[in-house]
Amino acid sequence: MNDHVLSLSGITKTYNAGLPGQVDVLRGVDLDLKRGEVVALVAPSGAGKSTLLHIAGMLDTPDAGNVTLNGQNMTGQSDRLRTLARRADVGFIYQFHHLLPEFSAIENIALPQLAAGISKADAEARALSLLEKVGVADRATHRPAELSGGEQQRVAFCRALANAPALLLADEPTGNLDPATSDQVFDALMSLVRDTGLSALIATHNFDLAARMDRTVRLDAGHLAALS
């Protein structure tokens, strides 16, 4: 088995190519993410971290370079194959929870499993197990509007891991929370990641949070460099 869940090689991305105001967002980015490794991605605002995460998760395509997921080069693959790989192997967390307001916490986590063909009973059982891991099982039947910001984000974490992905990509997952809640929610996220043994690339502006991960890389002027 390949030791790397994710490998990015020579990733470039340019917006408005050949036009005035051309922006070279990524300029030959290389990154290997080992199995079970949690890596912090720090970057100045507007440096392209969201673009990099979207390319890593196959929501966007690079202008050049290769994205390899679980040993399979996804560059140039069909949209259908990329969608299937993303559904099976990648979980996404954003700064805002993006929960569906008309569904309860347990239903929000069950939905991606149902889409993957899991039975309702098994999907809800896994959803409840994940909610227990992050300490909000007692809120399972509550809708997002009935949850605090920290509770909503914990549910979003569980939804991202609902289909047991190999890779988690998170874009400022606690950036919308106050500092005290942010620390608590980040603890819950790290516990969930460690318990499940998946790999994670987590973008953050918070160097204290970054220091709690396995290593830190910095994106600046289109290039990626190791900080630790």
Protein backbone atom coordinates (compact mmCIF):
# COMPACT_ATOMS: atom_id res chain seq x y z
CA MET A 1 0.00 0.00 0.00
CA ASN A 2 1.24 3.48 -0.88
CA ASP A 3 2.43 5.32 2.23
CA HIS A 4 0.91 8.60 1.01
CA VAL A 5 -2.82 9.29 1.01
CA LEU A 6 -2.31 12.50 -0.98
CA SER A 7 0.50 13.61 -3.25
CA LEU A 8 0.55 16.94 -5.04
CA SER A 9 3.27 17.35 -7.65
CA GLY A 10 4.05 20.54 -9.58
CA ILE A 11 0.61 22.04 -9.04
CA THR A 12 0.11 25.36 -10.81
CA LYS A 13 -3.00 27.49 -11.06
CA THR A 14 -3.41 30.83 -12.81
CA TYR A 15 -6.49 33.02 -13.03
CA ASN A 16 -7.08 35.35 -16.00
CA ALA A 17 -4.20 33.73 -17.88
CA GLY A 18 -2.80 35.99 -20.59
CA LEU A 19 -4.92 38.94 -19.51
CA PRO A 20 -4.08 42.12 -17.62
CA GLY A 21 -4.26 41.34 -13.95
CA GLN A 22 -3.19 37.71 -14.38
CA VAL A 23 -2.79 36.05 -10.97
CA ASP A 24 -0.43 33.12 -10.51
CA VAL A 25 -2.00 31.58 -7.41
CA LEU A 26 0.00 28.35 -7.26
CA ARG A 27 3.47 28.02 -8.77
CA GLY A 28 4.62 24.42 -8.70
CA VAL A 29 3.30 23.21 -5.33
CA ASP A 30 4.56 19.84 -4.07
CA LEU A 31 3.12 18.13 -0.99
CA ASP A 32 2.99 14.55 0.30
CA LEU A 33 0.60 13.67 3.09
CA LYS A 34 1.29 10.39 4.87
CA ARG A 35 -1.35 8.05 6.21
CA GLY A 36 -2.49 9.16 9.64
CA GLU A 37 -0.63 12.48 9.37
CA VAL A 38 -2.24 15.81 10.30
CA VAL A 39 -0.67 18.81 8.54
CA ALA A 40 -1.38 22.48 9.18
CA LEU A 41 -1.54 24.77 6.15
CA VAL A 42 -0.91 28.41 7.03
CA ALA A 43 -1.10 31.24 4.53
CA PRO A 44 -1.72 34.98 4.33
CA SER A 45 -5.22 35.98 3.34
CA GLY A 46 -5.69 35.59 -0.41
CA ALA A 47 -2.59 33.42 -0.84
CA GLY A 48 -4.53 30.57 -2.43
CA LYS A 49 -5.04 28.08 0.39
CA SER A 50 -8.69 27.51 -0.55
CA THR A 51 -7.66 26.96 -4.16
CA LEU A 52 -5.06 24.43 -3.05
CA LEU A 53 -7.59 22.57 -0.90
CA HIS A 54 -10.11 22.52 -3.74
CA ILE A 55 -7.53 21.08 -6.11
CA ALA A 56 -6.43 18.51 -3.53
CA GLY A 57 -10.07 17.47 -3.10
CA MET A 58 -10.80 17.45 -6.83
CA LEU A 59 -13.31 20.26 -6.68
CA ASP A 60 -11.04 22.20 -9.04
CA THR A 61 -8.40 21.21 -11.57
CA PRO A 62 -4.83 22.53 -11.79
CA ASP A 63 -3.42 24.08 -14.94
CA ALA A 64 -0.45 21.75 -14.58
CA GLY A 65 0.77 19.10 -12.20
CA ASN A 66 -0.64 15.89 -10.73
CA VAL A 67 -2.98 15.05 -7.86
CA THR A 68 -2.55 11.49 -6.60
CA LEU A 69 -5.07 10.07 -4.14
CA ASN A 70 -4.47 6.68 -2.54
CA GLY A 71 -1.87 5.90 -5.17
CA GLN A 72 -4.10 6.76 -8.14
CA ASN A 73 -3.26 9.73 -10.34
CA MET A 74 -6.51 11.67 -10.63
CA THR A 75 -5.23 14.21 -13.17
CA GLY A 76 -7.06 13.86 -16.45
CA GLN A 77 -9.57 11.37 -15.09
CA SER A 78 -13.24 11.68 -16.05
CA ASP A 79 -15.55 13.82 -13.96
CA ARG A 80 -17.45 10.70 -12.94
CA LEU A 81 -14.36 8.92 -11.63
CA ARG A 82 -13.21 12.04 -9.80
CA THR A 83 -16.66 12.42 -8.22
CA LEU A 84 -16.70 8.80 -7.07
CA ALA A 85 -13.19 9.08 -5.62
CA ARG A 86 -14.08 12.31 -3.85
CA ARG A 87 -17.26 10.81 -2.41
CA ALA A 88 -15.46 7.72 -1.15
CA ASP A 89 -12.14 9.10 0.04
CA VAL A 90 -12.39 12.82 0.82
CA GLY A 91 -14.18 14.72 3.58
CA PHE A 92 -14.51 18.52 3.55
CA ILE A 93 -14.96 20.98 6.42
CA TYR A 94 -15.41 24.71 5.90
CA GLN A 95 -15.38 27.76 8.17
CA PHE A 96 -19.18 27.83 8.06
CA HIS A 97 -20.95 24.57 8.82
CA HIS A 98 -23.27 24.44 5.74
CA LEU A 99 -25.68 22.07 7.49
CA LEU A 100 -29.08 21.59 5.86
CA PRO A 101 -31.48 23.61 8.06
CA GLU A 102 -34.53 21.39 7.59
CA PHE A 103 -32.76 18.25 8.85
CA SER A 104 -31.67 17.25 12.35
CA ALA A 105 -28.03 16.72 13.31
CA ILE A 106 -28.29 12.95 12.90
CA GLU A 107 -30.06 13.33 9.56
CA ASN A 108 -27.38 15.72 8.25
CA ILE A 109 -24.73 13.08 9.01
CA ALA A 110 -26.81 10.21 7.64
CA LEU A 111 -27.53 11.86 4.28
CA PRO A 112 -24.09 11.39 2.66
CA GLN A 113 -24.15 7.77 3.78
CA LEU A 114 -27.56 7.22 2.25
CA ALA A 115 -26.24 8.70 -1.00
CA ALA A 116 -23.45 6.11 -0.86
CA GLY A 117 -25.94 3.27 -0.56
CA ILE A 118 -25.81 2.67 3.20
CA SER A 119 -29.07 1.61 4.85
CA LYS A 120 -30.91 4.17 6.95
CA ALA A 121 -30.45 2.13 10.14
CA ASP A 122 -26.69 1.75 9.62
CA ALA A 123 -26.30 5.38 8.58
CA GLU A 124 -28.07 6.68 11.67
CA ALA A 125 -26.12 4.30 13.93
CA ARG A 126 -22.81 5.61 12.56
CA ALA A 127 -24.06 9.19 12.79
CA LEU A 128 -24.91 8.72 16.47
CA SER A 129 -21.53 7.09 17.13
CA LEU A 130 -19.74 10.07 15.59
CA LEU A 131 -21.85 12.53 17.56
CA GLU A 132 -20.92 10.68 20.73
CA LYS A 133 -17.22 11.04 19.89
CA VAL A 134 -17.53 14.83 19.72
CA GLY A 135 -19.76 15.10 22.76
CA VAL A 136 -23.06 16.20 21.22
CA ALA A 137 -25.05 12.96 21.01
CA ASP A 138 -27.71 14.55 23.22
CA ARG A 139 -28.34 17.05 20.40
CA ALA A 140 -28.85 14.41 17.71
CA THR A 141 -32.49 15.26 16.99
CA HIS A 142 -32.01 19.03 17.03
CA ARG A 143 -31.96 21.08 13.84
CA PRO A 144 -29.04 23.46 13.16
CA ALA A 145 -30.97 26.54 14.30
CA GLU A 146 -31.35 24.89 17.72
CA LEU A 147 -27.61 24.32 18.09
CA SER A 148 -24.83 26.67 19.21
CA GLY A 149 -22.09 27.62 16.75
CA GLY A 150 -19.70 25.15 18.32
CA GLU A 151 -22.29 22.38 18.22
CA GLN A 152 -23.08 23.10 14.58
CA GLN A 153 -19.42 22.82 13.65
CA ARG A 154 -19.04 19.54 15.53
CA VAL A 155 -21.95 18.15 13.55
CA ALA A 156 -20.23 19.37 10.37
CA PHE A 157 -17.09 17.47 11.42
CA CYS A 158 -19.13 14.30 11.83
CA ARG A 159 -20.79 14.78 8.45
CA ALA A 160 -17.36 15.14 6.79
CA LEU A 161 -16.31 11.79 8.28
CA ALA A 162 -19.64 10.04 7.71
CA ASN A 163 -18.38 7.89 4.83
CA ALA A 164 -15.06 7.10 6.54
CA PRO A 165 -12.81 8.99 4.09
CA ALA A 166 -9.06 8.49 3.94
CA LEU A 167 -8.44 12.24 3.65
CA LEU A 168 -9.91 15.22 5.47
CA LEU A 169 -9.54 18.73 4.02
CA ALA A 170 -10.50 21.58 6.34
CA ASP A 171 -10.54 25.29 5.51
CA GLU A 172 -10.39 27.39 8.70
CA PRO A 173 -12.68 24.92 10.51
CA THR A 174 -12.82 26.98 13.71
CA GLY A 175 -12.40 30.44 12.16
CA ASN A 176 -16.04 31.37 12.71
CA LEU A 177 -15.94 30.71 16.48
CA ASP A 178 -14.82 32.71 19.50
CA PRO A 179 -11.38 31.74 20.92
CA ALA A 180 -12.65 29.63 23.83
CA THR A 181 -15.14 27.72 21.69
CA SER A 182 -12.53 27.39 18.94
CA ASP A 183 -10.15 25.57 21.28
CA GLN A 184 -12.87 23.19 22.48
CA VAL A 185 -14.08 22.44 18.97
CA PHE A 186 -10.54 21.96 17.67
CA ASP A 187 -9.90 19.48 20.49
CA ALA A 188 -12.99 17.56 19.36
CA LEU A 189 -11.78 17.59 15.76
CA MET A 190 -8.30 16.36 16.62
CA SER A 191 -9.74 13.61 18.83
CA LEU A 192 -12.00 12.51 15.99
CA VAL A 193 -9.14 12.55 13.47
CA ARG A 194 -6.80 10.60 15.74
CA ASP A 195 -9.48 8.06 16.68
CA THR A 196 -10.27 7.32 13.05
CA GLY A 197 -6.62 7.37 11.90
CA LEU A 198 -7.27 9.41 8.78
CA SER A 199 -4.96 11.99 7.20
CA ALA A 200 -5.84 15.66 7.35
CA LEU A 201 -4.75 18.92 5.74
CA ILE A 202 -6.11 21.76 7.86
CA ALA A 203 -5.83 25.40 6.81
CA THR A 204 -5.65 27.84 9.72
CA HIS A 205 -4.46 31.33 10.61
CA ASN A 206 -3.99 30.21 14.22
CA PHE A 207 -0.36 29.26 14.88
CA ASP A 208 -1.26 27.85 18.31
CA LEU A 209 -3.61 25.37 16.64
CA ALA A 210 -1.04 24.67 13.92
CA ALA A 211 1.53 23.77 16.58
CA ARG A 212 -0.73 20.97 17.79
CA MET A 213 -0.57 19.19 14.45
CA ASP A 214 2.20 16.90 13.18
CA ARG A 215 3.84 19.54 11.00
CA THR A 216 3.17 22.90 9.41
CA VAL A 217 3.57 24.10 5.82
CA ARG A 218 3.21 27.67 4.62
CA LEU A 219 1.81 28.84 1.31
CA ASP A 220 3.13 32.22 0.18
CA ALA A 221 3.59 33.80 -3.27
CA GLY A 222 2.41 30.56 -4.88
CA HIS A 223 5.02 28.34 -3.23
CA LEU A 224 4.79 25.87 -0.37
CA ALA A 225 7.52 25.65 2.26
CA ALA A 226 7.88 23.56 5.43
CA LEU A 227 7.84 25.45 8.72
CA SER A 228 8.17 22.43 10.98
